[in-house]
Amino acid sequence: MAPQITTMNELNIKLFSLLGSPELVHKWWFSPNKAFDNRTPKEVFVNDKDGPEKIENYINFFCSGDYS
């Protein structure tokens, strides 16, 4: 069975819970991010073969609250 691909809309729900506004969610998608070699999360999500998984894992890390 293939893994379920998370959509941007599903990720936006998590991002909104972390960032608190639609404007900040939009800014997050289109701002360079060191975690992705200064590419935007949108670039990674759209262009990398495993982009959706990379973005989902990154967001889930911050949703989990386990920063150790």
C-alpha atoms as a PDB file:
ATOM      1  CA  MET A   1       0.000   0.000   0.000  1.00  0.00           C
ATOM      2  CA  ALA A   2       1.390   3.428  -0.966  1.00  0.00           C
ATOM      3  CA  PRO A   3       1.771   6.033   1.778  1.00  0.00           C
ATOM      4  CA  GLN A   4      -0.903   8.690   1.938  1.00  0.00           C
ATOM      5  CA  ILE A   5       0.237  12.027   0.533  1.00  0.00           C
ATOM      6  CA  THR A   6      -0.608  14.961   2.745  1.00  0.00           C
ATOM      7  CA  THR A   7      -2.056  17.907   0.863  1.00  0.00           C
ATOM      8  CA  MET A   8      -0.974  21.510   1.307  1.00  0.00           C
ATOM      9  CA  ASN A   9      -4.394  22.266   2.788  1.00  0.00           C
ATOM     10  CA  GLU A  10      -3.867  19.640   5.486  1.00  0.00           C
ATOM     11  CA  LEU A  11      -0.434  21.059   6.228  1.00  0.00           C
ATOM     12  CA  ASN A  12      -1.870  24.575   6.334  1.00  0.00           C
ATOM     13  CA  ILE A  13      -4.164  23.514   9.176  1.00  0.00           C
ATOM     14  CA  LYS A  14      -1.131  22.431  11.211  1.00  0.00           C
ATOM     15  CA  LEU A  15       0.808  25.549  10.237  1.00  0.00           C
ATOM     16  CA  PHE A  16      -2.095  27.758  11.297  1.00  0.00           C
ATOM     17  CA  SER A  17      -2.119  26.097  14.710  1.00  0.00           C
ATOM     18  CA  LEU A  18       1.615  26.828  15.029  1.00  0.00           C
ATOM     19  CA  LEU A  19       1.705  30.324  13.529  1.00  0.00           C
ATOM     20  CA  GLY A  20      -1.729  31.726  14.322  1.00  0.00           C
ATOM     21  CA  SER A  21      -2.682  33.564  11.124  1.00  0.00           C
ATOM     22  CA  PRO A  22      -3.245  32.893   7.425  1.00  0.00           C
ATOM     23  CA  GLU A  23      -0.755  35.644   6.575  1.00  0.00           C
ATOM     24  CA  LEU A  24       2.033  33.925   8.515  1.00  0.00           C
ATOM     25  CA  VAL A  25       1.171  30.574   6.950  1.00  0.00           C
ATOM     26  CA  HIS A  26       1.496  32.152   3.483  1.00  0.00           C
ATOM     27  CA  LYS A  27       4.758  33.818   4.459  1.00  0.00           C
ATOM     28  CA  TRP A  28       6.123  30.492   5.760  1.00  0.00           C
ATOM     29  CA  TRP A  29       5.493  28.756   2.422  1.00  0.00           C
ATOM     30  CA  PHE A  30       7.243  31.485   0.415  1.00  0.00           C
ATOM     31  CA  SER A  31      10.201  32.348   2.681  1.00  0.00           C
ATOM     32  CA  PRO A  32      13.639  30.740   2.311  1.00  0.00           C
ATOM     33  CA  ASN A  33      14.226  28.159   5.030  1.00  0.00           C
ATOM     34  CA  LYS A  34      17.624  26.963   6.260  1.00  0.00           C
ATOM     35  CA  ALA A  35      16.195  23.494   6.837  1.00  0.00           C
ATOM     36  CA  PHE A  36      15.702  23.234   3.069  1.00  0.00           C
ATOM     37  CA  ASP A  37      19.028  24.769   1.956  1.00  0.00           C
ATOM     38  CA  ASN A  38      17.452  28.228   1.788  1.00  0.00           C
ATOM     39  CA  ARG A  39      14.792  27.102  -0.634  1.00  0.00           C
ATOM     40  CA  THR A  40      11.181  27.876   0.134  1.00  0.00           C
ATOM     41  CA  PRO A  41       8.982  25.123   1.550  1.00  0.00           C
ATOM     42  CA  LYS A  42       6.713  25.601  -1.493  1.00  0.00           C
ATOM     43  CA  GLU A  43       9.661  24.871  -3.830  1.00  0.00           C
ATOM     44  CA  VAL A  44      10.537  21.730  -1.902  1.00  0.00           C
ATOM     45  CA  PHE A  45       6.918  20.531  -1.753  1.00  0.00           C
ATOM     46  CA  VAL A  46       6.355  21.007  -5.495  1.00  0.00           C
ATOM     47  CA  ASN A  47       9.738  20.129  -6.999  1.00  0.00           C
ATOM     48  CA  ASP A  48      11.315  17.406  -4.873  1.00  0.00           C
ATOM     49  CA  LYS A  49      10.249  13.804  -5.384  1.00  0.00           C
ATOM     50  CA  ASP A  50       9.946  13.395  -1.613  1.00  0.00           C
ATOM     51  CA  GLY A  51       9.018  17.045  -1.039  1.00  0.00           C
ATOM     52  CA  PRO A  52       5.604  16.511   0.536  1.00  0.00           C
ATOM     53  CA  GLU A  53       7.105  14.008   2.976  1.00  0.00           C
ATOM     54  CA  LYS A  54       9.985  16.373   3.854  1.00  0.00           C
ATOM     55  CA  ILE A  55       7.600  19.231   4.548  1.00  0.00           C
ATOM     56  CA  GLU A  56       5.203  17.056   6.525  1.00  0.00           C
ATOM     57  CA  ASN A  57       8.024  15.675   8.690  1.00  0.00           C
ATOM     58  CA  TYR A  58       9.361  19.164   9.326  1.00  0.00           C
ATOM     59  CA  ILE A  59       5.964  20.519  10.390  1.00  0.00           C
ATOM     60  CA  ASN A  60       5.152  17.428  12.475  1.00  0.00           C
ATOM     61  CA  PHE A  61       8.429  17.840  14.363  1.00  0.00           C
ATOM     62  CA  PHE A  62       7.296  21.255  15.590  1.00  0.00           C
ATOM     63  CA  CYS A  63       3.751  20.048  16.280  1.00  0.00           C
ATOM     64  CA  SER A  64       5.060  17.275  18.482  1.00  0.00           C
ATOM     65  CA  GLY A  65       6.757  19.643  20.922  1.00  0.00           C
ATOM     66  CA  ASP A  66       9.702  17.260  21.347  1.00  0.00           C
ATOM     67  CA  TYR A  67      12.640  19.590  20.732  1.00  0.00           C
ATOM     68  CA  SER A  68      15.300  17.555  22.578  1.00  0.00           C
END
